[in-house]
PDB file of N, CA and C in Angstrom:
ATOM      1  N   UNK A   1     171.866  60.470  99.732  1.00  0.00           N
ATOM      2  CA  UNK A   1     172.935  61.510  99.521  1.00  0.00           C
ATOM      3  C   UNK A   1     171.894  62.999  98.931  1.00  0.00           C
ATOM      4  N   UNK A   2     172.398  63.947  99.135  1.00  0.00           N
ATOM      5  CA  UNK A   2     171.622  65.224  98.520  1.00  0.00           C
ATOM      6  C   UNK A   2     172.544  66.175  98.375  1.00  0.00           C
ATOM      7  N   UNK A   3     172.352  67.043  97.291  1.00  0.00           N
ATOM      8  CA  UNK A   3     173.280  68.282  96.822  1.00  0.00           C
ATOM      9  C   UNK A   3     172.620  69.519  97.413  1.00  0.00           C
ATOM     10  N   UNK A   4     173.616  70.349  97.921  1.00  0.00           N
ATOM     11  CA  UNK A   4     172.866  71.743  98.122  1.00  0.00           C
ATOM     12  C   UNK A   4     173.787  72.820  97.262  1.00  0.00           C
ATOM     13  N   UNK A   5     173.051  73.227  96.173  1.00  0.00           N
ATOM     14  CA  UNK A   5     173.995  74.007  95.165  1.00  0.00           C
ATOM     15  C   UNK A   5     174.098  75.329  96.092  1.00  0.00           C
ATOM     16  N   UNK A   6     175.458  75.808  95.662  1.00  0.00           N
ATOM     17  CA  UNK A   6     175.817  77.179  96.075  1.00  0.00           C
ATOM     18  C   UNK A   6     176.426  78.061  94.900  1.00  0.00           C
ATOM     19  N   UNK A   7     175.444  79.364  94.803  1.00  0.00           N
ATOM     20  CA  UNK A   7     175.950  80.043  93.589  1.00  0.00           C
ATOM     21  C   UNK A   7     176.447  81.266  94.332  1.00  0.00           C
ATOM     22  N   UNK A   8     177.524  81.893  93.472  1.00  0.00           N
ATOM     23  CA  UNK A   8     178.125  83.231  93.944  1.00  0.00           C
ATOM     24  C   UNK A   8     177.170  84.195  93.446  1.00  0.00           C
ATOM     25  N   UNK A   9     176.975  85.316  94.195  1.00  0.00           N
ATOM     26  CA  UNK A   9     175.964  86.429  93.838  1.00  0.00           C
ATOM     27  C   UNK A   9     176.749  87.888  94.330  1.00  0.00           C
ATOM     28  N   UNK A  10     176.190  88.860  93.489  1.00  0.00           N
ATOM     29  CA  UNK A  10     176.859  90.156  94.069  1.00  0.00           C
ATOM     30  C   UNK A  10     176.569  90.552  95.295  1.00  0.00           C
ATOM     31  N   UNK A  11     175.287  90.573  95.593  1.00  0.00           N
ATOM     32  CA  UNK A  11     174.531  90.974  96.779  1.00  0.00           C
ATOM     33  C   UNK A  11     173.271  89.900  97.440  1.00  0.00           C
ATOM     34  N   UNK A  12     173.851  88.966  98.638  1.00  0.00           N
ATOM     35  CA  UNK A  12     173.344  88.105  98.917  1.00  0.00           C
ATOM     36  C   UNK A  12     171.746  88.343  99.416  1.00  0.00           C
ATOM     37  N   UNK A  13     171.602  89.563 100.145  1.00  0.00           N
ATOM     38  CA  UNK A  13     170.234  89.958 100.577  1.00  0.00           C
ATOM     39  C   UNK A  13     169.228  90.222  99.529  1.00  0.00           C
ATOM     40  N   UNK A  14     169.880  90.845  98.455  1.00  0.00           N
ATOM     41  CA  UNK A  14     168.938  91.550  97.120  1.00  0.00           C
ATOM     42  C   UNK A  14     168.696  89.997  96.547  1.00  0.00           C
ATOM     43  N   UNK A  15     169.697  89.089  96.221  1.00  0.00           N
ATOM     44  CA  UNK A  15     169.214  88.091  95.590  1.00  0.00           C
ATOM     45  C   UNK A  15     168.365  86.799  96.396  1.00  0.00           C
ATOM     46  N   UNK A  16     168.578  86.810  97.466  1.00  0.00           N
ATOM     47  CA  UNK A  16     167.394  86.120  98.408  1.00  0.00           C
ATOM     48  C   UNK A  16     166.140  86.680  98.284  1.00  0.00           C
ATOM     49  N   UNK A  17     166.147  87.805  98.248  1.00  0.00           N
ATOM     50  CA  UNK A  17     164.912  88.444  98.245  1.00  0.00           C
ATOM     51  C   UNK A  17     164.152  88.167  96.947  1.00  0.00           C
ATOM     52  N   UNK A  18     165.022  88.424  95.613  1.00  0.00           N
ATOM     53  CA  UNK A  18     164.466  87.800  94.675  1.00  0.00           C
ATOM     54  C   UNK A  18     163.808  86.647  94.484  1.00  0.00           C
ATOM     55  N   UNK A  19     164.584  85.436  94.969  1.00  0.00           N
ATOM     56  CA  UNK A  19     164.072  84.258  94.842  1.00  0.00           C
ATOM     57  C   UNK A  19     162.787  83.974  95.882  1.00  0.00           C
ATOM     58  N   UNK A  20     162.752  84.797  96.989  1.00  0.00           N
ATOM     59  CA  UNK A  20     161.707  84.558  98.174  1.00  0.00           C
ATOM     60  C   UNK A  20     160.492  85.318  97.271  1.00  0.00           C
ATOM     61  N   UNK A  21     160.614  86.301  96.471  1.00  0.00           N
ATOM     62  CA  UNK A  21     159.351  86.976  95.825  1.00  0.00           C
ATOM     63  C   UNK A  21     158.912  86.077  94.945  1.00  0.00           C
ATOM     64  N   UNK A  22     159.810  85.541  93.967  1.00  0.00           N
ATOM     65  CA  UNK A  22     159.296  84.671  92.837  1.00  0.00           C
ATOM     66  C   UNK A  22     159.085  83.054  93.387  1.00  0.00           C
ATOM     67  N   UNK A  23     159.697  82.358  94.083  1.00  0.00           N
ATOM     68  CA  UNK A  23     159.278  81.286  94.522  1.00  0.00           C
ATOM     69  C   UNK A  23     158.519  80.852  95.990  1.00  0.00           C
ATOM     70  N   UNK A  24     158.528  81.905  96.670  1.00  0.00           N
ATOM     71  CA  UNK A  24     158.006  81.820  98.027  1.00  0.00           C
ATOM     72  C   UNK A  24     158.591  81.185  98.905  1.00  0.00           C
ATOM     73  N   UNK A  25     160.099  81.128  98.863  1.00  0.00           N
ATOM     74  CA  UNK A  25     160.922  80.136  99.585  1.00  0.00           C
ATOM     75  C   UNK A  25     161.229  81.080 100.794  1.00  0.00           C
ATOM     76  N   UNK A  26     162.174  80.450 101.927  1.00  0.00           N
ATOM     77  CA  UNK A  26     162.598  81.218 102.985  1.00  0.00           C
ATOM     78  C   UNK A  26     164.391  81.203 103.105  1.00  0.00           C
ATOM     79  N   UNK A  27     164.460  82.229 103.665  1.00  0.00           N
ATOM     80  CA  UNK A  27     165.787  82.518 103.799  1.00  0.00           C
ATOM     81  C   UNK A  27     166.012  81.818 105.429  1.00  0.00           C
ATOM     82  N   UNK A  28     166.772  80.737 105.462  1.00  0.00           N
ATOM     83  CA  UNK A  28     166.776  80.191 107.010  1.00  0.00           C
ATOM     84  C   UNK A  28     168.424  80.732 107.532  1.00  0.00           C
ATOM     85  N   UNK A  29     169.088  81.484 106.880  1.00  0.00           N
ATOM     86  CA  UNK A  29     170.357  82.041 107.183  1.00  0.00           C
ATOM     87  C   UNK A  29     170.296  83.290 108.003  1.00  0.00           C
ATOM     88  N   UNK A  30     169.167  83.895 108.128  1.00  0.00           N
ATOM     89  CA  UNK A  30     169.034  85.088 108.726  1.00  0.00           C
ATOM     90  C   UNK A  30     169.360  86.393 107.703  1.00  0.00           C
ATOM     91  N   UNK A  31     170.125  87.529 107.946  1.00  0.00           N
ATOM     92  CA  UNK A  31     170.542  88.844 107.376  1.00  0.00           C
ATOM     93  C   UNK A  31     171.910  88.836 107.130  1.00  0.00           C
ATOM     94  N   UNK A  32     172.442  87.415 106.819  1.00  0.00           N
ATOM     95  CA  UNK A  32     173.881  87.663 106.812  1.00  0.00           C
ATOM     96  C   UNK A  32     174.153  88.246 105.072  1.00  0.00           C
ATOM     97  N   UNK A  33     175.370  88.972 105.088  1.00  0.00           N
ATOM     98  CA  UNK A  33     175.560  89.694 103.761  1.00  0.00           C
ATOM     99  C   UNK A  33     176.431  88.836 102.888  1.00  0.00           C
ATOM    100  N   UNK A  34     176.796  87.620 103.595  1.00  0.00           N
ATOM    101  CA  UNK A  34     177.851  86.611 102.754  1.00  0.00           C
ATOM    102  C   UNK A  34     177.393  85.305 102.369  1.00  0.00           C
ATOM    103  N   UNK A  35     176.201  84.820 103.078  1.00  0.00           N
ATOM    104  CA  UNK A  35     175.525  83.534 102.641  1.00  0.00           C
ATOM    105  C   UNK A  35     174.084  83.733 103.216  1.00  0.00           C
ATOM    106  N   UNK A  36     173.357  82.718 102.232  1.00  0.00           N
ATOM    107  CA  UNK A  36     172.021  82.351 102.448  1.00  0.00           C
ATOM    108  C   UNK A  36     171.743  81.224 102.218  1.00  0.00           C
ATOM    109  N   UNK A  37     170.482  80.625 102.841  1.00  0.00           N
ATOM    110  CA  UNK A  37     170.014  79.232 102.701  1.00  0.00           C
ATOM    111  C   UNK A  37     168.728  79.411 102.283  1.00  0.00           C
ATOM    112  N   UNK A  38     168.259  79.128 101.121  1.00  0.00           N
ATOM    113  CA  UNK A  38     166.971  79.134 100.782  1.00  0.00           C
ATOM    114  C   UNK A  38     166.319  77.894 100.816  1.00  0.00           C
ATOM    115  N   UNK A  39     164.986  77.927 101.392  1.00  0.00           N
ATOM    116  CA  UNK A  39     164.469  76.627 101.839  1.00  0.00           C
ATOM    117  C   UNK A  39     163.066  76.551 101.429  1.00  0.00           C
ATOM    118  N   UNK A  40     162.567  75.494 101.022  1.00  0.00           N
ATOM    119  CA  UNK A  40     160.938  75.227 100.823  1.00  0.00           C
ATOM    120  C   UNK A  40     160.794  73.822 101.916  1.00  0.00           C
ATOM    121  N   UNK A  41     159.944  74.056 102.837  1.00  0.00           N
ATOM    122  CA  UNK A  41     159.919  73.204 103.815  1.00  0.00           C
ATOM    123  C   UNK A  41     160.934  72.836 104.385  1.00  0.00           C
ATOM    124  N   UNK A  42     161.447  71.496 104.483  1.00  0.00           N
ATOM    125  CA  UNK A  42     162.641  71.140 105.072  1.00  0.00           C
ATOM    126  C   UNK A  42     163.952  70.945 104.091  1.00  0.00           C
ATOM    127  N   UNK A  43     163.418  71.210 102.759  1.00  0.00           N
ATOM    128  CA  UNK A  43     164.251  70.978 101.877  1.00  0.00           C
ATOM    129  C   UNK A  43     165.168  72.524 101.312  1.00  0.00           C
ATOM    130  N   UNK A  44     166.479  72.085 101.352  1.00  0.00           N
ATOM    131  CA  UNK A  44     167.384  73.226 100.751  1.00  0.00           C
ATOM    132  C   UNK A  44     167.203  73.328  99.290  1.00  0.00           C
ATOM    133  N   UNK A  45     166.657  74.482  98.761  1.00  0.00           N
ATOM    134  CA  UNK A  45     166.481  74.811  97.219  1.00  0.00           C
ATOM    135  C   UNK A  45     168.078  75.058  96.675  1.00  0.00           C
ATOM    136  N   UNK A  46     168.474  76.367  97.260  1.00  0.00           N
ATOM    137  CA  UNK A  46     169.731  77.026  96.833  1.00  0.00           C
ATOM    138  C   UNK A  46     170.590  77.741  97.970  1.00  0.00           C
ATOM    139  N   UNK A  47     171.669  77.796  98.065  1.00  0.00           N
ATOM    140  CA  UNK A  47     172.559  78.594  98.769  1.00  0.00           C
ATOM    141  C   UNK A  47     173.230  79.727  97.984  1.00  0.00           C
ATOM    142  N   UNK A  48     173.155  80.784  98.539  1.00  0.00           N
ATOM    143  CA  UNK A  48     173.517  81.942  98.010  1.00  0.00           C
ATOM    144  C   UNK A  48     175.022  82.421  98.798  1.00  0.00           C
ATOM    145  N   UNK A  49     176.087  82.753  97.940  1.00  0.00           N
ATOM    146  CA  UNK A  49     177.493  83.062  98.386  1.00  0.00           C
ATOM    147  C   UNK A  49     177.828  84.384  97.768  1.00  0.00           C
ATOM    148  N   UNK A  50     178.296  85.334  98.764  1.00  0.00           N
ATOM    149  CA  UNK A  50     178.838  86.667  98.113  1.00  0.00           C
ATOM    150  C   UNK A  50     180.059  86.296  97.551  1.00  0.00           C
ATOM    151  N   UNK A  51     180.184  86.802  96.231  1.00  0.00           N
ATOM    152  CA  UNK A  51     181.454  87.010  95.420  1.00  0.00           C
ATOM    153  C   UNK A  51     182.702  87.124  96.385  1.00  0.00           C
ATOM    154  N   UNK A  52     183.589  86.474  96.432  1.00  0.00           N
ATOM    155  CA  UNK A  52     184.905  86.788  97.018  1.00  0.00           C
ATOM    156  C   UNK A  52     185.002  86.847  98.605  1.00  0.00           C
ATOM    157  N   UNK A  53     183.897  86.142  99.031  1.00  0.00           N
ATOM    158  CA  UNK A  53     183.824  86.033 100.706  1.00  0.00           C
ATOM    159  C   UNK A  53     184.453  84.620 100.818  1.00  0.00           C
ATOM    160  N   UNK A  54     185.489  84.418 101.663  1.00  0.00           N
ATOM    161  CA  UNK A  54     185.958  83.193 102.434  1.00  0.00           C
ATOM    162  C   UNK A  54     186.854  82.605 101.353  1.00  0.00           C
ATOM    163  N   UNK A  55     187.109  83.334 100.030  1.00  0.00           N
ATOM    164  CA  UNK A  55     188.073  82.949  99.174  1.00  0.00           C
ATOM    165  C   UNK A  55     188.123  81.511  98.701  1.00  0.00           C
ATOM    166  N   UNK A  56     186.654  80.988  98.265  1.00  0.00           N
ATOM    167  CA  UNK A  56     186.602  79.821  97.747  1.00  0.00           C
ATOM    168  C   UNK A  56     187.173  80.044  96.144  1.00  0.00           C
ATOM    169  N   UNK A  57     188.025  79.143  95.759  1.00  0.00           N
ATOM    170  CA  UNK A  57     188.550  79.196  94.553  1.00  0.00           C
ATOM    171  C   UNK A  57     187.543  79.403  93.220  1.00  0.00           C
ATOM    172  N   UNK A  58     186.397  78.998  93.188  1.00  0.00           N
ATOM    173  CA  UNK A  58     185.634  79.498  92.058  1.00  0.00           C
ATOM    174  C   UNK A  58     184.726  80.462  92.496  1.00  0.00           C
ATOM    175  N   UNK A  59     184.780  80.999  93.223  1.00  0.00           N
ATOM    176  CA  UNK A  59     183.966  82.286  93.679  1.00  0.00           C
ATOM    177  C   UNK A  59     184.685  83.582  94.205  1.00  0.00           C
ATOM    178  N   UNK A  60     185.773  83.707  93.577  1.00  0.00           N
ATOM    179  CA  UNK A  60     186.848  84.648  93.611  1.00  0.00           C
ATOM    180  C   UNK A  60     186.571  85.597  92.756  1.00  0.00           C
ATOM    181  N   UNK A  61     186.436  85.820  91.434  1.00  0.00           N
ATOM    182  CA  UNK A  61     186.239  86.684  90.516  1.00  0.00           C
ATOM    183  C   UNK A  61     184.907  86.714  90.063  1.00  0.00           C
ATOM    184  N   UNK A  62     184.344  87.977  90.422  1.00  0.00           N
ATOM    185  CA  UNK A  62     182.935  88.191  89.958  1.00  0.00           C
ATOM    186  C   UNK A  62     182.899  88.693  88.755  1.00  0.00           C
ATOM    187  N   UNK A  63     184.124  88.941  88.003  1.00  0.00           N
ATOM    188  CA  UNK A  63     183.938  89.273  86.453  1.00  0.00           C
ATOM    189  C   UNK A  63     183.645  88.118  85.515  1.00  0.00           C
ATOM    190  N   UNK A  64     183.794  86.976  86.063  1.00  0.00           N
ATOM    191  CA  UNK A  64     183.413  85.649  85.395  1.00  0.00           C
ATOM    192  C   UNK A  64     181.851  85.784  85.008  1.00  0.00           C
ATOM    193  N   UNK A  65     181.318  85.443  83.887  1.00  0.00           N
ATOM    194  CA  UNK A  65     180.046  85.105  83.164  1.00  0.00           C
ATOM    195  C   UNK A  65     179.525  84.093  84.437  1.00  0.00           C
ATOM    196  N   UNK A  66     178.357  84.600  85.206  1.00  0.00           N
ATOM    197  CA  UNK A  66     177.804  83.648  86.102  1.00  0.00           C
ATOM    198  C   UNK A  66     177.334  82.553  85.441  1.00  0.00           C
ATOM    199  N   UNK A  67     177.353  81.263  86.118  1.00  0.00           N
ATOM    200  CA  UNK A  67     176.531  80.336  85.730  1.00  0.00           C
ATOM    201  C   UNK A  67     176.755  79.539  84.041  1.00  0.00           C
ATOM    202  N   UNK A  68     177.874  79.724  83.639  1.00  0.00           N
ATOM    203  CA  UNK A  68     178.220  79.199  82.358  1.00  0.00           C
ATOM    204  C   UNK A  68     178.171  77.591  82.530  1.00  0.00           C
ATOM    205  N   UNK A  69     177.178  77.009  81.503  1.00  0.00           N
ATOM    206  CA  UNK A  69     177.129  75.701  81.556  1.00  0.00           C
ATOM    207  C   UNK A  69     176.151  75.112  82.804  1.00  0.00           C
ATOM    208  N   UNK A  70     175.361  76.061  83.314  1.00  0.00           N
ATOM    209  CA  UNK A  70     174.386  75.735  84.795  1.00  0.00           C
ATOM    210  C   UNK A  70     173.150  76.294  84.267  1.00  0.00           C
ATOM    211  N   UNK A  71     172.291  75.365  84.634  1.00  0.00           N
ATOM    212  CA  UNK A  71     170.764  75.496  84.557  1.00  0.00           C
ATOM    213  C   UNK A  71     170.140  75.584  86.082  1.00  0.00           C
ATOM    214  N   UNK A  72     169.770  76.170  86.598  1.00  0.00           N
ATOM    215  CA  UNK A  72     169.128  75.828  88.050  1.00  0.00           C
ATOM    216  C   UNK A  72     167.679  75.567  87.664  1.00  0.00           C
ATOM    217  N   UNK A  73     167.386  74.411  88.006  1.00  0.00           N
ATOM    218  CA  UNK A  73     166.104  73.712  87.213  1.00  0.00           C
ATOM    219  C   UNK A  73     164.999  73.423  88.553  1.00  0.00           C
ATOM    220  N   UNK A  74     164.124  74.228  88.639  1.00  0.00           N
ATOM    221  CA  UNK A  74     163.388  74.013  89.999  1.00  0.00           C
ATOM    222  C   UNK A  74     162.046  73.297  89.629  1.00  0.00           C
ATOM    223  N   UNK A  75     161.726  72.094  90.213  1.00  0.00           N
ATOM    224  CA  UNK A  75     160.519  71.459  90.004  1.00  0.00           C
ATOM    225  C   UNK A  75     159.521  72.093  91.087  1.00  0.00           C
ATOM    226  N   UNK A  76     158.148  72.527  90.641  1.00  0.00           N
ATOM    227  CA  UNK A  76     157.304  73.120  91.572  1.00  0.00           C
ATOM    228  C   UNK A  76     155.932  72.613  91.274  1.00  0.00           C
ATOM    229  N   UNK A  77     155.239  72.876  92.374  1.00  0.00           N
ATOM    230  CA  UNK A  77     153.868  72.108  92.314  1.00  0.00           C
ATOM    231  C   UNK A  77     152.866  73.526  91.701  1.00  0.00           C
ATOM    232  N   UNK A  78     153.430  74.520  91.624  1.00  0.00           N
ATOM    233  CA  UNK A  78     152.471  75.712  91.565  1.00  0.00           C
ATOM    234  C   UNK A  78     153.070  76.715  90.464  1.00  0.00           C
ATOM    235  N   UNK A  79     153.369  75.955  89.372  1.00  0.00           N
ATOM    236  CA  UNK A  79     153.853  76.606  87.941  1.00  0.00           C
ATOM    237  C   UNK A  79     153.209  77.966  87.724  1.00  0.00           C
ATOM    238  N   UNK A  80     151.890  77.728  87.498  1.00  0.00           N
ATOM    239  CA  UNK A  80     151.130  78.964  87.136  1.00  0.00           C
ATOM    240  C   UNK A  80     151.085  80.057  88.031  1.00  0.00           C
ATOM    241  N   UNK A  81     151.252  80.082  89.090  1.00  0.00           N
ATOM    242  CA  UNK A  81     151.556  80.954  90.274  1.00  0.00           C
ATOM    243  C   UNK A  81     152.592  81.372  90.043  1.00  0.00           C
ATOM    244  N   UNK A  82     153.717  80.928  90.129  1.00  0.00           N
ATOM    245  CA  UNK A  82     155.213  81.351  89.756  1.00  0.00           C
ATOM    246  C   UNK A  82     154.990  82.038  88.616  1.00  0.00           C
ATOM    247  N   UNK A  83     154.501  81.580  87.303  1.00  0.00           N
ATOM    248  CA  UNK A  83     154.614  82.385  86.597  1.00  0.00           C
ATOM    249  C   UNK A  83     153.994  83.731  86.483  1.00  0.00           C
ATOM    250  N   UNK A  84     152.912  83.606  87.331  1.00  0.00           N
ATOM    251  CA  UNK A  84     151.981  84.925  87.486  1.00  0.00           C
ATOM    252  C   UNK A  84     152.788  86.108  88.318  1.00  0.00           C
ATOM    253  N   UNK A  85     153.559  85.264  89.258  1.00  0.00           N
ATOM    254  CA  UNK A  85     154.660  86.070  90.248  1.00  0.00           C
ATOM    255  C   UNK A  85     155.397  86.989  89.277  1.00  0.00           C
ATOM    256  N   UNK A  86     156.065  86.197  88.473  1.00  0.00           N
ATOM    257  CA  UNK A  86     157.296  86.761  87.381  1.00  0.00           C
ATOM    258  C   UNK A  86     156.565  88.032  86.703  1.00  0.00           C
ATOM    259  N   UNK A  87     155.348  87.778  86.330  1.00  0.00           N
ATOM    260  CA  UNK A  87     154.813  88.929  85.502  1.00  0.00           C
ATOM    261  C   UNK A  87     154.358  90.030  86.643  1.00  0.00           C
ATOM    262  N   UNK A  88     153.913  89.710  87.813  1.00  0.00           N
ATOM    263  CA  UNK A  88     153.813  90.764  88.928  1.00  0.00           C
ATOM    264  C   UNK A  88     155.218  91.495  89.100  1.00  0.00           C
ATOM    265  N   UNK A  89     156.136  91.046  89.286  1.00  0.00           N
ATOM    266  CA  UNK A  89     157.642  91.189  89.429  1.00  0.00           C
ATOM    267  C   UNK A  89     158.555  91.858  88.296  1.00  0.00           C
ATOM    268  N   UNK A  90     157.556  91.867  87.183  1.00  0.00           N
ATOM    269  CA  UNK A  90     157.908  92.762  85.787  1.00  0.00           C
ATOM    270  C   UNK A  90     159.362  91.895  85.524  1.00  0.00           C
ATOM    271  N   UNK A  91     159.562  90.626  85.497  1.00  0.00           N
ATOM    272  CA  UNK A  91     160.787  89.895  85.233  1.00  0.00           C
ATOM    273  C   UNK A  91     160.577  89.445  83.703  1.00  0.00           C
ATOM    274  N   UNK A  92     161.574  89.614  83.122  1.00  0.00           N
ATOM    275  CA  UNK A  92     161.981  89.294  81.681  1.00  0.00           C
ATOM    276  C   UNK A  92     161.953  87.494  81.421  1.00  0.00           C
ATOM    277  N   UNK A  93     160.970  87.062  80.909  1.00  0.00           N
ATOM    278  CA  UNK A  93     160.797  85.654  80.468  1.00  0.00           C
ATOM    279  C   UNK A  93     161.731  85.378  78.959  1.00  0.00           C
ATOM    280  N   UNK A  94     162.575  84.506  79.291  1.00  0.00           N
ATOM    281  CA  UNK A  94     163.379  83.993  78.264  1.00  0.00           C
ATOM    282  C   UNK A  94     162.757  82.895  77.273  1.00  0.00           C
ATOM    283  N   UNK A  95     161.944  82.140  77.848  1.00  0.00           N
ATOM    284  CA  UNK A  95     161.310  81.159  77.214  1.00  0.00           C
ATOM    285  C   UNK A  95     159.848  81.083  78.010  1.00  0.00           C
ATOM    286  N   UNK A  96     158.883  81.274  77.265  1.00  0.00           N
ATOM    287  CA  UNK A  96     157.455  81.189  77.843  1.00  0.00           C
ATOM    288  C   UNK A  96     157.154  79.669  78.103  1.00  0.00           C
ATOM    289  N   UNK A  97     155.815  79.734  78.889  1.00  0.00           N
ATOM    290  CA  UNK A  97     155.710  78.346  79.259  1.00  0.00           C
ATOM    291  C   UNK A  97     155.324  77.289  77.918  1.00  0.00           C
ATOM    292  N   UNK A  98     156.034  76.536  78.327  1.00  0.00           N
ATOM    293  CA  UNK A  98     155.788  75.397  76.720  1.00  0.00           C
ATOM    294  C   UNK A  98     155.810  73.900  77.350  1.00  0.00           C
ATOM    295  N   UNK A  99     155.465  72.973  76.806  1.00  0.00           N
ATOM    296  CA  UNK A  99     155.692  71.530  77.151  1.00  0.00           C
ATOM    297  C   UNK A  99     157.178  71.152  76.960  1.00  0.00           C
ATOM    298  N   UNK A 100     157.830  70.738  77.875  1.00  0.00           N
ATOM    299  CA  UNK A 100     159.310  70.209  77.379  1.00  0.00           C
ATOM    300  C   UNK A 100     158.934  68.857  76.764  1.00  0.00           C
ATOM    301  N   UNK A 101     159.587  68.222  75.687  1.00  0.00           N
ATOM    302  CA  UNK A 101     159.392  67.229  74.866  1.00  0.00           C
ATOM    303  C   UNK A 101     160.029  66.056  75.666  1.00  0.00           C
ATOM    304  N   UNK A 102     161.093  66.393  76.617  1.00  0.00           N
ATOM    305  CA  UNK A 102     161.654  65.284  77.341  1.00  0.00           C
ATOM    306  C   UNK A 102     160.882  64.881  78.698  1.00  0.00           C
ATOM    307  N   UNK A 103     160.432  65.911  79.245  1.00  0.00           N
ATOM    308  CA  UNK A 103     159.956  65.492  80.571  1.00  0.00           C
ATOM    309  C   UNK A 103     158.194  65.374  80.342  1.00  0.00           C
ATOM    310  N   UNK A 104     157.635  66.177  79.383  1.00  0.00           N
ATOM    311  CA  UNK A 104     156.229  66.072  79.068  1.00  0.00           C
ATOM    312  C   UNK A 104     155.677  67.010  80.194  1.00  0.00           C
ATOM    313  N   UNK A 105     156.291  68.009  80.738  1.00  0.00           N
ATOM    314  CA  UNK A 105     155.693  68.812  81.745  1.00  0.00           C
ATOM    315  C   UNK A 105     155.970  70.283  81.267  1.00  0.00           C
ATOM    316  N   UNK A 106     154.842  71.176  81.760  1.00  0.00           N
ATOM    317  CA  UNK A 106     155.361  72.685  81.461  1.00  0.00           C
ATOM    318  C   UNK A 106     156.295  73.231  82.111  1.00  0.00           C
ATOM    319  N   UNK A 107     157.039  74.094  81.615  1.00  0.00           N
ATOM    320  CA  UNK A 107     158.259  74.730  82.019  1.00  0.00           C
ATOM    321  C   UNK A 107     158.315  76.227  81.287  1.00  0.00           C
ATOM    322  N   UNK A 108     158.924  77.072  81.951  1.00  0.00           N
ATOM    323  CA  UNK A 108     159.395  78.503  81.623  1.00  0.00           C
ATOM    324  C   UNK A 108     160.819  78.911  82.005  1.00  0.00           C
ATOM    325  N   UNK A 109     161.364  79.643  81.568  1.00  0.00           N
ATOM    326  CA  UNK A 109     162.845  80.143  81.785  1.00  0.00           C
ATOM    327  C   UNK A 109     162.873  81.460  81.947  1.00  0.00           C
ATOM    328  N   UNK A 110     163.850  81.992  82.665  1.00  0.00           N
ATOM    329  CA  UNK A 110     164.240  83.411  82.850  1.00  0.00           C
ATOM    330  C   UNK A 110     165.647  83.639  83.612  1.00  0.00           C
ATOM    331  N   UNK A 111     166.118  84.637  83.597  1.00  0.00           N
ATOM    332  CA  UNK A 111     167.738  84.871  84.209  1.00  0.00           C
ATOM    333  C   UNK A 111     167.174  85.460  85.684  1.00  0.00           C
ATOM    334  N   UNK A 112     167.843  84.885  86.658  1.00  0.00           N
ATOM    335  CA  UNK A 112     167.694  85.492  88.115  1.00  0.00           C
ATOM    336  C   UNK A 112     168.294  87.014  87.957  1.00  0.00           C
ATOM    337  N   UNK A 113     168.270  87.364  89.394  1.00  0.00           N
ATOM    338  CA  UNK A 113     169.068  88.774  89.738  1.00  0.00           C
ATOM    339  C   UNK A 113     170.201  89.023  89.256  1.00  0.00           C
ATOM    340  N   UNK A 114     171.092  87.712  89.218  1.00  0.00           N
ATOM    341  CA  UNK A 114     172.770  87.665  89.157  1.00  0.00           C
ATOM    342  C   UNK A 114     173.003  87.249  87.847  1.00  0.00           C
ATOM    343  N   UNK A 115     171.837  87.003  86.927  1.00  0.00           N
ATOM    344  CA  UNK A 115     172.092  86.418  85.550  1.00  0.00           C
ATOM    345  C   UNK A 115     172.484  84.638  85.424  1.00  0.00           C
ATOM    346  N   UNK A 116     172.225  84.164  86.629  1.00  0.00           N
ATOM    347  CA  UNK A 116     171.613  82.911  86.259  1.00  0.00           C
ATOM    348  C   UNK A 116     170.584  82.507  85.487  1.00  0.00           C
ATOM    349  N   UNK A 117     170.629  81.152  84.631  1.00  0.00           N
ATOM    350  CA  UNK A 117     169.588  80.978  84.079  1.00  0.00           C
ATOM    351  C   UNK A 117     168.701  79.694  84.664  1.00  0.00           C
ATOM    352  N   UNK A 118     167.483  80.193  85.004  1.00  0.00           N
ATOM    353  CA  UNK A 118     166.720  79.192  85.851  1.00  0.00           C
ATOM    354  C   UNK A 118     165.446  78.762  84.867  1.00  0.00           C
ATOM    355  N   UNK A 119     165.238  77.571  85.168  1.00  0.00           N
ATOM    356  CA  UNK A 119     163.837  77.177  84.428  1.00  0.00           C
ATOM    357  C   UNK A 119     162.910  76.503  85.878  1.00  0.00           C
ATOM    358  N   UNK A 120     161.716  76.776  85.681  1.00  0.00           N
ATOM    359  CA  UNK A 120     160.859  76.399  86.495  1.00  0.00           C
ATOM    360  C   UNK A 120     159.808  75.678  85.841  1.00  0.00           C
ATOM    361  N   UNK A 121     159.815  74.358  86.299  1.00  0.00           N
ATOM    362  CA  UNK A 121     158.946  73.377  85.645  1.00  0.00           C
ATOM    363  C   UNK A 121     157.773  72.747  86.737  1.00  0.00           C
ATOM    364  N   UNK A 122     156.646  71.981  86.086  1.00  0.00           N
ATOM    365  CA  UNK A 122     155.907  71.395  87.042  1.00  0.00           C
ATOM    366  C   UNK A 122     156.701  70.204  87.606  1.00  0.00           C
ATOM    367  N   UNK A 123     156.382  69.987  88.664  1.00  0.00           N
ATOM    368  CA  UNK A 123     156.704  68.845  89.528  1.00  0.00           C
ATOM    369  C   UNK A 123     156.756  67.491  88.843  1.00  0.00           C
ATOM    370  N   UNK A 124     157.750  66.819  88.986  1.00  0.00           N
ATOM    371  CA  UNK A 124     157.613  65.435  88.286  1.00  0.00           C
ATOM    372  C   UNK A 124     158.919  64.593  88.965  1.00  0.00           C
ATOM    373  N   UNK A 125     158.850  63.501  88.956  1.00  0.00           N
ATOM    374  CA  UNK A 125     159.776  62.533  89.364  1.00  0.00           C
ATOM    375  C   UNK A 125     160.520  62.006  88.111  1.00  0.00           C
ATOM    376  N   UNK A 126     161.870  61.815  88.082  1.00  0.00           N
ATOM    377  CA  UNK A 126     162.614  60.971  86.880  1.00  0.00           C
ATOM    378  C   UNK A 126     162.428  59.350  87.083  1.00  0.00           C
ATOM    379  N   UNK A 127     162.228  59.128  85.753  1.00  0.00           N
ATOM    380  CA  UNK A 127     161.667  57.644  85.882  1.00  0.00           C
ATOM    381  C   UNK A 127     162.706  56.649  85.125  1.00  0.00           C
ATOM    382  N   UNK A 128     163.772  57.531  84.874  1.00  0.00           N
ATOM    383  CA  UNK A 128     165.039  56.634  84.192  1.00  0.00           C
ATOM    384  C   UNK A 128     165.093  55.909  82.889  1.00  0.00           C
TER     385      UNK A 128
END
């Protein structure tokens, strides 16, 4: 089983570019203004869906605060590089690199192009 998270965004192409610039992922859905599939290798990281397109019930009202109760949590093998990219892209960091006491891995957090809260952490597996 696998989940492919889809978030609503104002401008699919601009949001896709934001993630591609920061994470180095690819948009496998072309230049669609309504939907993007962001991948790393063969894995889907995130899908972007334009607010109001296709009338999905949770993606109709763009005035709703994006991501309330949601953290997009990316486990990466190049945390230092991505943190450097964030500086090069002049992104505002919400929480600087620190060790998460639960995972014991380094992480940092920021808001994306559309106001979703994202955390970038060192790659790790969950041991339950």
